[in-house]
C-alpha cells in the first residue's frame, strides 16, 4: 500500500503559519522555513510580552501613587503601610487612577489613612 502524505493537512498548517507572517519583511513573509522560524519567535515574544506588561503597569501605578502621596507629605511605602493598617482595600490600579484623574478623591483617601 502506498504511503499517504496527507497534503491537505500539511498545506493547511503551512498556510496558517504564512498567514500569521503577513506584513513581515522580505522572505520572512513567503518562504516557509524562514516564516516558520519568524512566527515561532514572534509567538514566544508575545507570550513573554503578556507577562512583562503586568510588571510594567504595576511599576507605572507605583510611580503615580508615589507622586500623589508625596504631594500630601507621605512616601509611597509609608502610604501603603498605613493604607493596609487602616483596612482600606484599594488596589494599586484604582489608587493610581485616583491620583492621576481625581486628586480630590485621592486626597480624601490620604486624609483617611493619616
PDB file of N, CA and C in Angstrom:
ATOM      1  N   UNK A   1       0.856  -1.187   0.000  1.00  0.00           N
ATOM      2  CA  UNK A   1       0.000   0.000   0.000  1.00  0.00           C
ATOM      3  C   UNK A   1       0.898   1.246   0.000  1.00  0.00           C
ATOM      4  N   UNK A   2       0.591   2.230  -0.850  1.00  0.00           N
ATOM      5  CA  UNK A   2       1.446   3.419  -0.917  1.00  0.00           C
ATOM      6  C   UNK A   2       1.301   4.282   0.339  1.00  0.00           C
ATOM      7  N   UNK A   3       2.380   5.006   0.621  1.00  0.00           N
ATOM      8  CA  UNK A   3       2.394   5.873   1.799  1.00  0.00           C
ATOM      9  C   UNK A   3       1.565   7.126   1.523  1.00  0.00           C
ATOM     10  N   UNK A   4       0.714   7.479   2.451  1.00  0.00           N
ATOM     11  CA  UNK A   4      -0.101   8.688   2.315  1.00  0.00           C
ATOM     12  C   UNK A   4       0.614   9.852   2.997  1.00  0.00           C
ATOM     13  N   UNK A   5       0.725  10.944   2.287  1.00  0.00           N
ATOM     14  CA  UNK A   5       1.453  12.092   2.834  1.00  0.00           C
ATOM     15  C   UNK A   5       0.538  13.129   3.476  1.00  0.00           C
ATOM     16  N   UNK A   6      -0.749  13.023   3.187  1.00  0.00           N
ATOM     17  CA  UNK A   6      -1.752  13.958   3.733  1.00  0.00           C
ATOM     18  C   UNK A   6      -1.402  15.406   3.400  1.00  0.00           C
ATOM     19  N   UNK A   7      -1.367  15.691   2.125  1.00  0.00           N
ATOM     20  CA  UNK A   7      -1.002  17.024   1.649  1.00  0.00           C
ATOM     21  C   UNK A   7      -1.991  18.089   2.123  1.00  0.00           C
ATOM     22  N   UNK A   8      -3.244  17.714   2.320  1.00  0.00           N
ATOM     23  CA  UNK A   8      -4.263  18.690   2.712  1.00  0.00           C
ATOM     24  C   UNK A   8      -3.928  19.299   4.074  1.00  0.00           C
ATOM     25  N   UNK A   9      -3.596  18.438   5.029  1.00  0.00           N
ATOM     26  CA  UNK A   9      -3.275  18.925   6.369  1.00  0.00           C
ATOM     27  C   UNK A   9      -1.966  19.700   6.365  1.00  0.00           C
ATOM     28  N   UNK A  10      -0.971  19.214   5.609  1.00  0.00           N
ATOM     29  CA  UNK A  10       0.323  19.900   5.539  1.00  0.00           C
ATOM     30  C   UNK A  10       0.166  21.295   4.958  1.00  0.00           C
ATOM     31  N   UNK A  11      -0.618  21.389   3.888  1.00  0.00           N
ATOM     32  CA  UNK A  11      -0.828  22.692   3.250  1.00  0.00           C
ATOM     33  C   UNK A  11      -1.574  23.635   4.184  1.00  0.00           C
ATOM     34  N   UNK A  12      -2.556  23.102   4.905  1.00  0.00           N
ATOM     35  CA  UNK A  12      -3.323  23.935   5.844  1.00  0.00           C
ATOM     36  C   UNK A  12      -2.421  24.470   6.948  1.00  0.00           C
ATOM     37  N   UNK A  13      -1.517  23.603   7.446  1.00  0.00           N
ATOM     38  CA  UNK A  13      -0.595  24.009   8.505  1.00  0.00           C
ATOM     39  C   UNK A  13       0.330  25.120   8.012  1.00  0.00           C
ATOM     40  N   UNK A  14       0.862  24.930   6.798  1.00  0.00           N
ATOM     41  CA  UNK A  14       1.763  25.940   6.249  1.00  0.00           C
ATOM     42  C   UNK A  14       1.032  27.242   5.961  1.00  0.00           C
ATOM     43  N   UNK A  15      -0.193  27.116   5.462  1.00  0.00           N
ATOM     44  CA  UNK A  15      -0.978  28.311   5.141  1.00  0.00           C
ATOM     45  C   UNK A  15      -1.269  29.123   6.405  1.00  0.00           C
ATOM     46  N   UNK A  16      -1.549  28.406   7.495  1.00  0.00           N
ATOM     47  CA  UNK A  16      -1.819  29.082   8.765  1.00  0.00           C
ATOM     48  C   UNK A  16      -0.604  29.899   9.221  1.00  0.00           C
ATOM     49  N   UNK A  17       0.581  29.299   9.125  1.00  0.00           N
ATOM     50  CA  UNK A  17       1.805  29.994   9.540  1.00  0.00           C
ATOM     51  C   UNK A  17       2.101  31.155   8.606  1.00  0.00           C
ATOM     52  N   UNK A  18       1.934  30.952   7.301  1.00  0.00           N
ATOM     53  CA  UNK A  18       2.208  32.027   6.338  1.00  0.00           C
ATOM     54  C   UNK A  18       1.224  33.184   6.507  1.00  0.00           C
ATOM     55  N   UNK A  19      -0.009  32.876   6.896  1.00  0.00           N
ATOM     56  CA  UNK A  19      -0.967  33.954   7.172  1.00  0.00           C
ATOM     57  C   UNK A  19      -0.570  34.740   8.419  1.00  0.00           C
ATOM     58  N   UNK A  20       0.009  34.046   9.413  1.00  0.00           N
ATOM     59  CA  UNK A  20       0.490  34.750  10.605  1.00  0.00           C
ATOM     60  C   UNK A  20       1.657  35.659  10.267  1.00  0.00           C
ATOM     61  N   UNK A  21       2.401  35.308   9.209  1.00  0.00           N
ATOM     62  CA  UNK A  21       3.597  36.072   8.830  1.00  0.00           C
ATOM     63  C   UNK A  21       3.274  37.228   7.890  1.00  0.00           C
ATOM     64  N   UNK A  22       2.001  37.517   7.683  1.00  0.00           N
ATOM     65  CA  UNK A  22       1.604  38.636   6.819  1.00  0.00           C
ATOM     66  C   UNK A  22       2.196  39.936   7.344  1.00  0.00           C
ATOM     67  N   UNK A  23       2.781  40.724   6.474  1.00  0.00           N
ATOM     68  CA  UNK A  23       3.332  42.006   6.866  1.00  0.00           C
ATOM     69  C   UNK A  23       4.787  41.945   7.278  1.00  0.00           C
ATOM     70  N   UNK A  24       5.361  40.740   7.340  1.00  0.00           N
ATOM     71  CA  UNK A  24       6.778  40.631   7.660  1.00  0.00           C
ATOM     72  C   UNK A  24       7.601  41.073   6.454  1.00  0.00           C
ATOM     73  N   UNK A  25       8.866  41.434   6.678  1.00  0.00           N
ATOM     74  CA  UNK A  25       9.726  41.981   5.630  1.00  0.00           C
ATOM     75  C   UNK A  25      10.452  40.878   4.876  1.00  0.00           C
ATOM     76  N   UNK A  26      10.552  41.034   3.568  1.00  0.00           N
ATOM     77  CA  UNK A  26      11.369  40.153   2.736  1.00  0.00           C
ATOM     78  C   UNK A  26      10.872  38.725   2.714  1.00  0.00           C
ATOM     79  N   UNK A  27      11.804  37.766   2.771  1.00  0.00           N
ATOM     80  CA  UNK A  27      11.432  36.361   2.644  1.00  0.00           C
ATOM     81  C   UNK A  27      10.750  35.821   3.894  1.00  0.00           C
ATOM     82  N   UNK A  28      10.717  36.615   4.961  1.00  0.00           N
ATOM     83  CA  UNK A  28      10.039  36.160   6.176  1.00  0.00           C
ATOM     84  C   UNK A  28       8.551  35.970   5.943  1.00  0.00           C
ATOM     85  N   UNK A  29       7.977  36.637   4.934  1.00  0.00           N
ATOM     86  CA  UNK A  29       6.534  36.545   4.739  1.00  0.00           C
ATOM     87  C   UNK A  29       6.125  35.436   3.780  1.00  0.00           C
ATOM     88  N   UNK A  30       7.054  34.922   2.937  1.00  0.00           N
ATOM     89  CA  UNK A  30       6.605  33.961   1.935  1.00  0.00           C
ATOM     90  C   UNK A  30       7.462  32.702   1.775  1.00  0.00           C
ATOM     91  N   UNK A  31       8.610  32.627   2.439  1.00  0.00           N
ATOM     92  CA  UNK A  31       9.405  31.401   2.392  1.00  0.00           C
ATOM     93  C   UNK A  31       9.092  30.595   3.649  1.00  0.00           C
ATOM     94  N   UNK A  32       8.647  29.356   3.435  1.00  0.00           N
ATOM     95  CA  UNK A  32       8.096  28.560   4.519  1.00  0.00           C
ATOM     96  C   UNK A  32       9.045  28.432   5.711  1.00  0.00           C
ATOM     97  N   UNK A  33      10.294  28.027   5.480  1.00  0.00           N
ATOM     98  CA  UNK A  33      11.197  27.774   6.603  1.00  0.00           C
ATOM     99  C   UNK A  33      11.522  29.057   7.356  1.00  0.00           C
ATOM    100  N   UNK A  34      11.717  30.135   6.624  1.00  0.00           N
ATOM    101  CA  UNK A  34      12.035  31.414   7.269  1.00  0.00           C
ATOM    102  C   UNK A  34      10.809  31.936   8.016  1.00  0.00           C
ATOM    103  N   UNK A  35       9.637  31.843   7.379  1.00  0.00           N
ATOM    104  CA  UNK A  35       8.401  32.318   8.000  1.00  0.00           C
ATOM    105  C   UNK A  35       8.087  31.520   9.264  1.00  0.00           C
ATOM    106  N   UNK A  36       8.310  30.220   9.214  1.00  0.00           N
ATOM    107  CA  UNK A  36       8.034  29.364  10.371  1.00  0.00           C
ATOM    108  C   UNK A  36       8.880  29.796  11.568  1.00  0.00           C
ATOM    109  N   UNK A  37      10.167  30.038  11.329  1.00  0.00           N
ATOM    110  CA  UNK A  37      11.053  30.480  12.410  1.00  0.00           C
ATOM    111  C   UNK A  37      10.643  31.845  12.942  1.00  0.00           C
ATOM    112  N   UNK A  38      10.302  32.766  12.036  1.00  0.00           N
ATOM    113  CA  UNK A  38       9.921  34.122  12.446  1.00  0.00           C
ATOM    114  C   UNK A  38       8.639  34.111  13.274  1.00  0.00           C
ATOM    115  N   UNK A  39       7.656  33.334  12.827  1.00  0.00           N
ATOM    116  CA  UNK A  39       6.377  33.272  13.536  1.00  0.00           C
ATOM    117  C   UNK A  39       6.571  32.628  14.901  1.00  0.00           C
ATOM    118  N   UNK A  40       7.393  31.580  14.961  1.00  0.00           N
ATOM    119  CA  UNK A  40       7.647  30.910  16.231  1.00  0.00           C
ATOM    120  C   UNK A  40       8.282  31.871  17.235  1.00  0.00           C
ATOM    121  N   UNK A  41       9.253  32.634  16.761  1.00  0.00           N
ATOM    122  CA  UNK A  41       9.915  33.604  17.636  1.00  0.00           C
ATOM    123  C   UNK A  41       8.936  34.708  18.051  1.00  0.00           C
ATOM    124  N   UNK A  42       8.104  35.160  17.099  1.00  0.00           N
ATOM    125  CA  UNK A  42       7.124  36.207  17.407  1.00  0.00           C
ATOM    126  C   UNK A  42       6.128  35.739  18.460  1.00  0.00           C
ATOM    127  N   UNK A  43       5.697  34.482  18.358  1.00  0.00           N
ATOM    128  CA  UNK A  43       4.759  33.955  19.347  1.00  0.00           C
ATOM    129  C   UNK A  43       5.418  33.849  20.719  1.00  0.00           C
ATOM    130  N   UNK A  44       6.711  33.513  20.744  1.00  0.00           N
ATOM    131  CA  UNK A  44       7.443  33.473  22.009  1.00  0.00           C
ATOM    132  C   UNK A  44       7.497  34.863  22.630  1.00  0.00           C
ATOM    133  N   UNK A  45       7.822  35.861  21.802  1.00  0.00           N
ATOM    134  CA  UNK A  45       7.892  37.240  22.298  1.00  0.00           C
ATOM    135  C   UNK A  45       6.534  37.718  22.792  1.00  0.00           C
ATOM    136  N   UNK A  46       5.467  37.346  22.096  1.00  0.00           N
ATOM    137  CA  UNK A  46       4.148  37.814  22.514  1.00  0.00           C
ATOM    138  C   UNK A  46       3.742  37.178  23.844  1.00  0.00           C
ATOM    139  N   UNK A  47       4.140  35.919  24.053  1.00  0.00           N
ATOM    140  CA  UNK A  47       3.850  35.254  25.329  1.00  0.00           C
ATOM    141  C   UNK A  47       4.605  35.951  26.462  1.00  0.00           C
ATOM    142  N   UNK A  48       5.892  36.210  26.231  1.00  0.00           N
ATOM    143  CA  UNK A  48       6.705  36.894  27.240  1.00  0.00           C
ATOM    144  C   UNK A  48       6.156  38.304  27.485  1.00  0.00           C
ATOM    145  N   UNK A  49       5.737  38.968  26.398  1.00  0.00           N
ATOM    146  CA  UNK A  49       5.230  40.332  26.487  1.00  0.00           C
ATOM    147  C   UNK A  49       3.991  40.444  27.353  1.00  0.00           C
ATOM    148  N   UNK A  50       3.166  39.402  27.326  1.00  0.00           N
ATOM    149  CA  UNK A  50       1.964  39.429  28.170  1.00  0.00           C
ATOM    150  C   UNK A  50       2.335  39.389  29.644  1.00  0.00           C
ATOM    151  N   UNK A  51       3.452  38.747  29.972  1.00  0.00           N
ATOM    152  CA  UNK A  51       3.919  38.738  31.361  1.00  0.00           C
ATOM    153  C   UNK A  51       4.572  40.073  31.722  1.00  0.00           C
ATOM    154  N   UNK A  52       5.362  40.610  30.794  1.00  0.00           N
ATOM    155  CA  UNK A  52       6.070  41.867  31.051  1.00  0.00           C
ATOM    156  C   UNK A  52       5.102  43.034  31.213  1.00  0.00           C
ATOM    157  N   UNK A  53       3.996  42.999  30.458  1.00  0.00           N
ATOM    158  CA  UNK A  53       3.028  44.094  30.520  1.00  0.00           C
ATOM    159  C   UNK A  53       2.489  44.268  31.940  1.00  0.00           C
ATOM    160  N   UNK A  54       2.284  43.148  32.629  1.00  0.00           N
ATOM    161  CA  UNK A  54       1.774  43.214  34.003  1.00  0.00           C
ATOM    162  C   UNK A  54       2.776  43.913  34.925  1.00  0.00           C
ATOM    163  N   UNK A  55       4.080  43.583  34.742  1.00  0.00           N
ATOM    164  CA  UNK A  55       5.124  44.240  35.534  1.00  0.00           C
ATOM    165  C   UNK A  55       5.187  45.728  35.232  1.00  0.00           C
ATOM    166  N   UNK A  56       5.117  46.056  33.930  1.00  0.00           N
ATOM    167  CA  UNK A  56       5.225  47.456  33.518  1.00  0.00           C
ATOM    168  C   UNK A  56       4.095  48.290  34.113  1.00  0.00           C
ATOM    169  N   UNK A  57       2.868  47.751  34.067  1.00  0.00           N
ATOM    170  CA  UNK A  57       1.745  48.503  34.606  1.00  0.00           C
ATOM    171  C   UNK A  57       1.861  48.673  36.113  1.00  0.00           C
ATOM    172  N   UNK A  58       2.314  47.628  36.808  1.00  0.00           N
ATOM    173  CA  UNK A  58       2.463  47.745  38.255  1.00  0.00           C
ATOM    174  C   UNK A  58       3.468  48.837  38.609  1.00  0.00           C
ATOM    175  N   UNK A  59       4.603  48.890  37.890  1.00  0.00           N
ATOM    176  CA  UNK A  59       5.599  49.927  38.189  1.00  0.00           C
ATOM    177  C   UNK A  59       5.066  51.319  37.849  1.00  0.00           C
ATOM    178  N   UNK A  60       4.250  51.421  36.789  1.00  0.00           N
ATOM    179  CA  UNK A  60       3.632  52.701  36.445  1.00  0.00           C
ATOM    180  C   UNK A  60       2.674  53.153  37.547  1.00  0.00           C
ATOM    181  N   UNK A  61       1.852  52.211  38.025  1.00  0.00           N
ATOM    182  CA  UNK A  61       0.912  52.540  39.103  1.00  0.00           C
ATOM    183  C   UNK A  61       1.654  52.986  40.349  1.00  0.00           C
ATOM    184  N   UNK A  62       2.740  52.307  40.688  1.00  0.00           N
ATOM    185  CA  UNK A  62       3.510  52.653  41.885  1.00  0.00           C
ATOM    186  C   UNK A  62       4.092  54.058  41.756  1.00  0.00           C
ATOM    187  N   UNK A  63       4.600  54.390  40.563  1.00  0.00           N
ATOM    188  CA  UNK A  63       5.165  55.730  40.350  1.00  0.00           C
ATOM    189  C   UNK A  63       4.089  56.799  40.509  1.00  0.00           C
ATOM    190  N   UNK A  64       2.899  56.534  39.999  1.00  0.00           N
ATOM    191  CA  UNK A  64       1.808  57.509  40.102  1.00  0.00           C
ATOM    192  C   UNK A  64       1.322  57.665  41.537  1.00  0.00           C
ATOM    193  N   UNK A  65       1.216  56.558  42.259  1.00  0.00           N
ATOM    194  CA  UNK A  65       0.788  56.630  43.659  1.00  0.00           C
ATOM    195  C   UNK A  65       1.836  57.370  44.480  1.00  0.00           C
ATOM    196  N   UNK A  66       3.098  57.094  44.215  1.00  0.00           N
ATOM    197  CA  UNK A  66       4.191  57.754  44.932  1.00  0.00           C
ATOM    198  C   UNK A  66       4.126  59.266  44.715  1.00  0.00           C
ATOM    199  N   UNK A  67       3.922  59.688  43.456  1.00  0.00           N
ATOM    200  CA  UNK A  67       3.843  61.121  43.153  1.00  0.00           C
ATOM    201  C   UNK A  67       2.658  61.754  43.879  1.00  0.00           C
ATOM    202  N   UNK A  68       1.522  61.062  43.873  1.00  0.00           N
ATOM    203  CA  UNK A  68       0.338  61.584  44.554  1.00  0.00           C
ATOM    204  C   UNK A  68       0.521  61.650  46.057  1.00  0.00           C
ATOM    205  N   UNK A  69       1.152  60.630  46.624  1.00  0.00           N
ATOM    206  CA  UNK A  69       1.344  60.584  48.081  1.00  0.00           C
ATOM    207  C   UNK A  69       2.321  61.650  48.532  1.00  0.00           C
ATOM    208  N   UNK A  70       3.364  61.883  47.757  1.00  0.00           N
ATOM    209  CA  UNK A  70       4.367  62.884  48.133  1.00  0.00           C
ATOM    210  C   UNK A  70       3.792  64.304  48.128  1.00  0.00           C
ATOM    211  N   UNK A  71       2.771  64.549  47.327  1.00  0.00           N
ATOM    212  CA  UNK A  71       2.099  65.856  47.359  1.00  0.00           C
ATOM    213  C   UNK A  71       1.436  66.102  48.707  1.00  0.00           C
ATOM    214  N   UNK A  72       1.129  65.017  49.414  1.00  0.00           N
ATOM    215  CA  UNK A  72       0.470  65.127  50.715  1.00  0.00           C
ATOM    216  C   UNK A  72       1.408  64.762  51.865  1.00  0.00           C
ATOM    217  N   UNK A  73       2.708  64.762  51.602  1.00  0.00           N
ATOM    218  CA  UNK A  73       3.699  64.595  52.661  1.00  0.00           C
ATOM    219  C   UNK A  73       3.976  63.161  53.098  1.00  0.00           C
ATOM    220  N   UNK A  74       3.662  62.199  52.265  1.00  0.00           N
ATOM    221  CA  UNK A  74       3.951  60.800  52.582  1.00  0.00           C
ATOM    222  C   UNK A  74       4.768  60.182  51.455  1.00  0.00           C
ATOM    223  N   UNK A  75       5.624  59.226  51.799  1.00  0.00           N
ATOM    224  CA  UNK A  75       6.290  58.467  50.739  1.00  0.00           C
ATOM    225  C   UNK A  75       5.373  57.311  50.345  1.00  0.00           C
ATOM    226  N   UNK A  76       5.702  56.635  49.271  1.00  0.00           N
ATOM    227  CA  UNK A  76       4.886  55.519  48.799  1.00  0.00           C
ATOM    228  C   UNK A  76       4.788  54.422  49.852  1.00  0.00           C
ATOM    229  N   UNK A  77       5.954  54.067  50.434  1.00  0.00           N
ATOM    230  CA  UNK A  77       5.954  52.952  51.391  1.00  0.00           C
ATOM    231  C   UNK A  77       5.162  53.297  52.655  1.00  0.00           C
ATOM    232  N   UNK A  78       5.308  54.537  53.128  1.00  0.00           N
ATOM    233  CA  UNK A  78       4.531  54.961  54.302  1.00  0.00           C
ATOM    234  C   UNK A  78       3.037  54.914  53.993  1.00  0.00           C
ATOM    235  N   UNK A  79       2.688  55.437  52.832  1.00  0.00           N
ATOM    236  CA  UNK A  79       1.283  55.491  52.431  1.00  0.00           C
ATOM    237  C   UNK A  79       0.682  54.089  52.339  1.00  0.00           C
ATOM    238  N   UNK A  80       1.404  53.171  51.675  1.00  0.00           N
ATOM    239  CA  UNK A  80       0.872  51.820  51.506  1.00  0.00           C
ATOM    240  C   UNK A  80       0.803  51.085  52.851  1.00  0.00           C
ATOM    241  N   UNK A  81       1.786  51.324  53.707  1.00  0.00           N
ATOM    242  CA  UNK A  81       1.754  50.703  55.032  1.00  0.00           C
ATOM    243  C   UNK A  81       0.551  51.153  55.833  1.00  0.00           C
ATOM    244  N   UNK A  82       0.308  52.452  55.840  1.00  0.00           N
ATOM    245  CA  UNK A  82      -0.832  52.999  56.579  1.00  0.00           C
ATOM    246  C   UNK A  82      -2.161  52.588  55.938  1.00  0.00           C
ATOM    247  N   UNK A  83      -2.151  52.468  54.619  1.00  0.00           N
ATOM    248  CA  UNK A  83      -3.362  52.052  53.896  1.00  0.00           C
ATOM    249  C   UNK A  83      -3.776  50.648  54.325  1.00  0.00           C
ATOM    250  N   UNK A  84      -2.798  49.739  54.402  1.00  0.00           N
ATOM    251  CA  UNK A  84      -3.111  48.367  54.799  1.00  0.00           C
ATOM    252  C   UNK A  84      -3.515  48.284  56.266  1.00  0.00           C
ATOM    253  N   UNK A  85      -2.878  49.105  57.115  1.00  0.00           N
ATOM    254  CA  UNK A  85      -3.244  49.108  58.536  1.00  0.00           C
ATOM    255  C   UNK A  85      -4.651  49.642  58.746  1.00  0.00           C
ATOM    256  N   UNK A  86      -5.047  50.636  57.930  1.00  0.00           N
ATOM    257  CA  UNK A  86      -6.369  51.232  58.084  1.00  0.00           C
ATOM    258  C   UNK A  86      -7.486  50.308  57.602  1.00  0.00           C
ATOM    259  N   UNK A  87      -7.120  49.285  56.812  1.00  0.00           N
ATOM    260  CA  UNK A  87      -8.134  48.324  56.356  1.00  0.00           C
ATOM    261  C   UNK A  87      -8.809  48.703  55.059  1.00  0.00           C
ATOM    262  N   UNK A  88      -8.363  49.778  54.442  1.00  0.00           N
ATOM    263  CA  UNK A  88      -8.919  50.136  53.134  1.00  0.00           C
ATOM    264  C   UNK A  88      -8.377  49.178  52.084  1.00  0.00           C
ATOM    265  N   UNK A  89      -9.260  48.533  51.348  1.00  0.00           N
ATOM    266  CA  UNK A  89      -8.819  47.564  50.351  1.00  0.00           C
ATOM    267  C   UNK A  89      -8.962  48.153  48.953  1.00  0.00           C
ATOM    268  N   UNK A  90      -8.064  49.065  48.637  1.00  0.00           N
ATOM    269  CA  UNK A  90      -7.993  49.634  47.293  1.00  0.00           C
ATOM    270  C   UNK A  90      -6.714  49.124  46.647  1.00  0.00           C
ATOM    271  N   UNK A  91      -6.828  48.604  45.423  1.00  0.00           N
ATOM    272  CA  UNK A  91      -5.623  48.096  44.776  1.00  0.00           C
ATOM    273  C   UNK A  91      -4.853  49.237  44.110  1.00  0.00           C
ATOM    274  N   UNK A  92      -3.654  48.926  43.635  1.00  0.00           N
ATOM    275  CA  UNK A  92      -2.765  49.947  43.072  1.00  0.00           C
ATOM    276  C   UNK A  92      -3.342  50.579  41.805  1.00  0.00           C
ATOM    277  N   UNK A  93      -4.062  49.789  41.030  1.00  0.00           N
ATOM    278  CA  UNK A  93      -4.659  50.309  39.790  1.00  0.00           C
ATOM    279  C   UNK A  93      -5.658  51.427  40.105  1.00  0.00           C
ATOM    280  N   UNK A  94      -6.508  51.191  41.078  1.00  0.00           N
ATOM    281  CA  UNK A  94      -7.519  52.175  41.468  1.00  0.00           C
ATOM    282  C   UNK A  94      -6.860  53.397  42.100  1.00  0.00           C
ATOM    283  N   UNK A  95      -5.889  53.167  42.976  1.00  0.00           N
ATOM    284  CA  UNK A  95      -5.200  54.281  43.632  1.00  0.00           C
ATOM    285  C   UNK A  95      -4.476  55.162  42.614  1.00  0.00           C
ATOM    286  N   UNK A  96      -3.837  54.534  41.615  1.00  0.00           N
ATOM    287  CA  UNK A  96      -3.124  55.297  40.589  1.00  0.00           C
ATOM    288  C   UNK A  96      -4.100  56.127  39.770  1.00  0.00           C
ATOM    289  N   UNK A  97      -5.275  55.558  39.474  1.00  0.00           N
ATOM    290  CA  UNK A  97      -6.289  56.297  38.724  1.00  0.00           C
ATOM    291  C   UNK A  97      -6.789  57.488  39.536  1.00  0.00           C
ATOM    292  N   UNK A  98      -7.001  57.275  40.828  1.00  0.00           N
ATOM    293  CA  UNK A  98      -7.432  58.379  41.685  1.00  0.00           C
ATOM    294  C   UNK A  98      -6.365  59.474  41.745  1.00  0.00           C
ATOM    295  N   UNK A  99      -5.101  59.069  41.894  1.00  0.00           N
ATOM    296  CA  UNK A  99      -4.016  60.049  41.995  1.00  0.00           C
ATOM    297  C   UNK A  99      -3.885  60.874  40.712  1.00  0.00           C
ATOM    298  N   UNK A 100      -4.109  60.244  39.570  1.00  0.00           N
ATOM    299  CA  UNK A 100      -3.946  60.935  38.286  1.00  0.00           C
ATOM    300  C   UNK A 100      -5.167  61.781  37.922  1.00  0.00           C
ATOM    301  N   UNK A 101      -6.339  61.153  37.985  1.00  0.00           N
ATOM    302  CA  UNK A 101      -7.542  61.775  37.403  1.00  0.00           C
ATOM    303  C   UNK A 101      -8.495  62.392  38.422  1.00  0.00           C
ATOM    304  N   UNK A 102      -8.387  62.003  39.685  1.00  0.00           N
ATOM    305  CA  UNK A 102      -9.305  62.524  40.708  1.00  0.00           C
ATOM    306  C   UNK A 102      -8.505  62.885  41.959  1.00  0.00           C
ATOM    307  N   UNK A 103      -7.707  63.961  41.880  1.00  0.00           N
ATOM    308  CA  UNK A 103      -6.835  64.302  43.008  1.00  0.00           C
ATOM    309  C   UNK A 103      -7.583  64.586  44.306  1.00  0.00           C
ATOM    310  N   UNK A 104      -8.804  65.134  44.230  1.00  0.00           N
ATOM    311  CA  UNK A 104      -9.551  65.423  45.452  1.00  0.00           C
ATOM    312  C   UNK A 104      -9.977  64.129  46.142  1.00  0.00           C
ATOM    313  N   UNK A 105     -10.334  63.105  45.370  1.00  0.00           N
ATOM    314  CA  UNK A 105     -10.686  61.806  45.953  1.00  0.00           C
ATOM    315  C   UNK A 105      -9.449  61.141  46.557  1.00  0.00           C
ATOM    316  N   UNK A 106      -8.302  61.287  45.869  1.00  0.00           N
ATOM    317  CA  UNK A 106      -7.055  60.714  46.396  1.00  0.00           C
ATOM    318  C   UNK A 106      -6.666  61.412  47.692  1.00  0.00           C
ATOM    319  N   UNK A 107      -6.901  62.723  47.757  1.00  0.00           N
ATOM    320  CA  UNK A 107      -6.596  63.481  48.973  1.00  0.00           C
ATOM    321  C   UNK A 107      -7.454  62.979  50.131  1.00  0.00           C
ATOM    322  N   UNK A 108      -8.718  62.663  49.828  1.00  0.00           N
ATOM    323  CA  UNK A 108      -9.606  62.135  50.867  1.00  0.00           C
ATOM    324  C   UNK A 108      -9.117  60.788  51.374  1.00  0.00           C
ATOM    325  N   UNK A 109      -8.588  59.966  50.475  1.00  0.00           N
ATOM    326  CA  UNK A 109      -8.046  58.657  50.886  1.00  0.00           C
ATOM    327  C   UNK A 109      -6.833  58.865  51.774  1.00  0.00           C
ATOM    328  N   UNK A 110      -5.961  59.818  51.385  1.00  0.00           N
ATOM    329  CA  UNK A 110      -4.745  60.087  52.176  1.00  0.00           C
ATOM    330  C   UNK A 110      -5.123  60.596  53.564  1.00  0.00           C
ATOM    331  N   UNK A 111      -6.094  61.500  53.633  1.00  0.00           N
ATOM    332  CA  UNK A 111      -6.527  62.036  54.929  1.00  0.00           C
ATOM    333  C   UNK A 111      -7.116  60.935  55.821  1.00  0.00           C
ATOM    334  N   UNK A 112      -7.861  60.022  55.206  1.00  0.00           N
ATOM    335  CA  UNK A 112      -8.454  58.913  55.984  1.00  0.00           C
ATOM    336  C   UNK A 112      -7.349  57.984  56.511  1.00  0.00           C
ATOM    337  N   UNK A 113      -6.305  57.831  55.741  1.00  0.00           N
ATOM    338  CA  UNK A 113      -5.205  56.932  56.108  1.00  0.00           C
ATOM    339  C   UNK A 113      -4.330  57.535  57.202  1.00  0.00           C
ATOM    340  N   UNK A 114      -4.129  58.856  57.188  1.00  0.00           N
ATOM    341  CA  UNK A 114      -3.193  59.516  58.126  1.00  0.00           C
ATOM    342  C   UNK A 114      -3.632  59.384  59.582  1.00  0.00           C
TER     343      UNK A 114
END
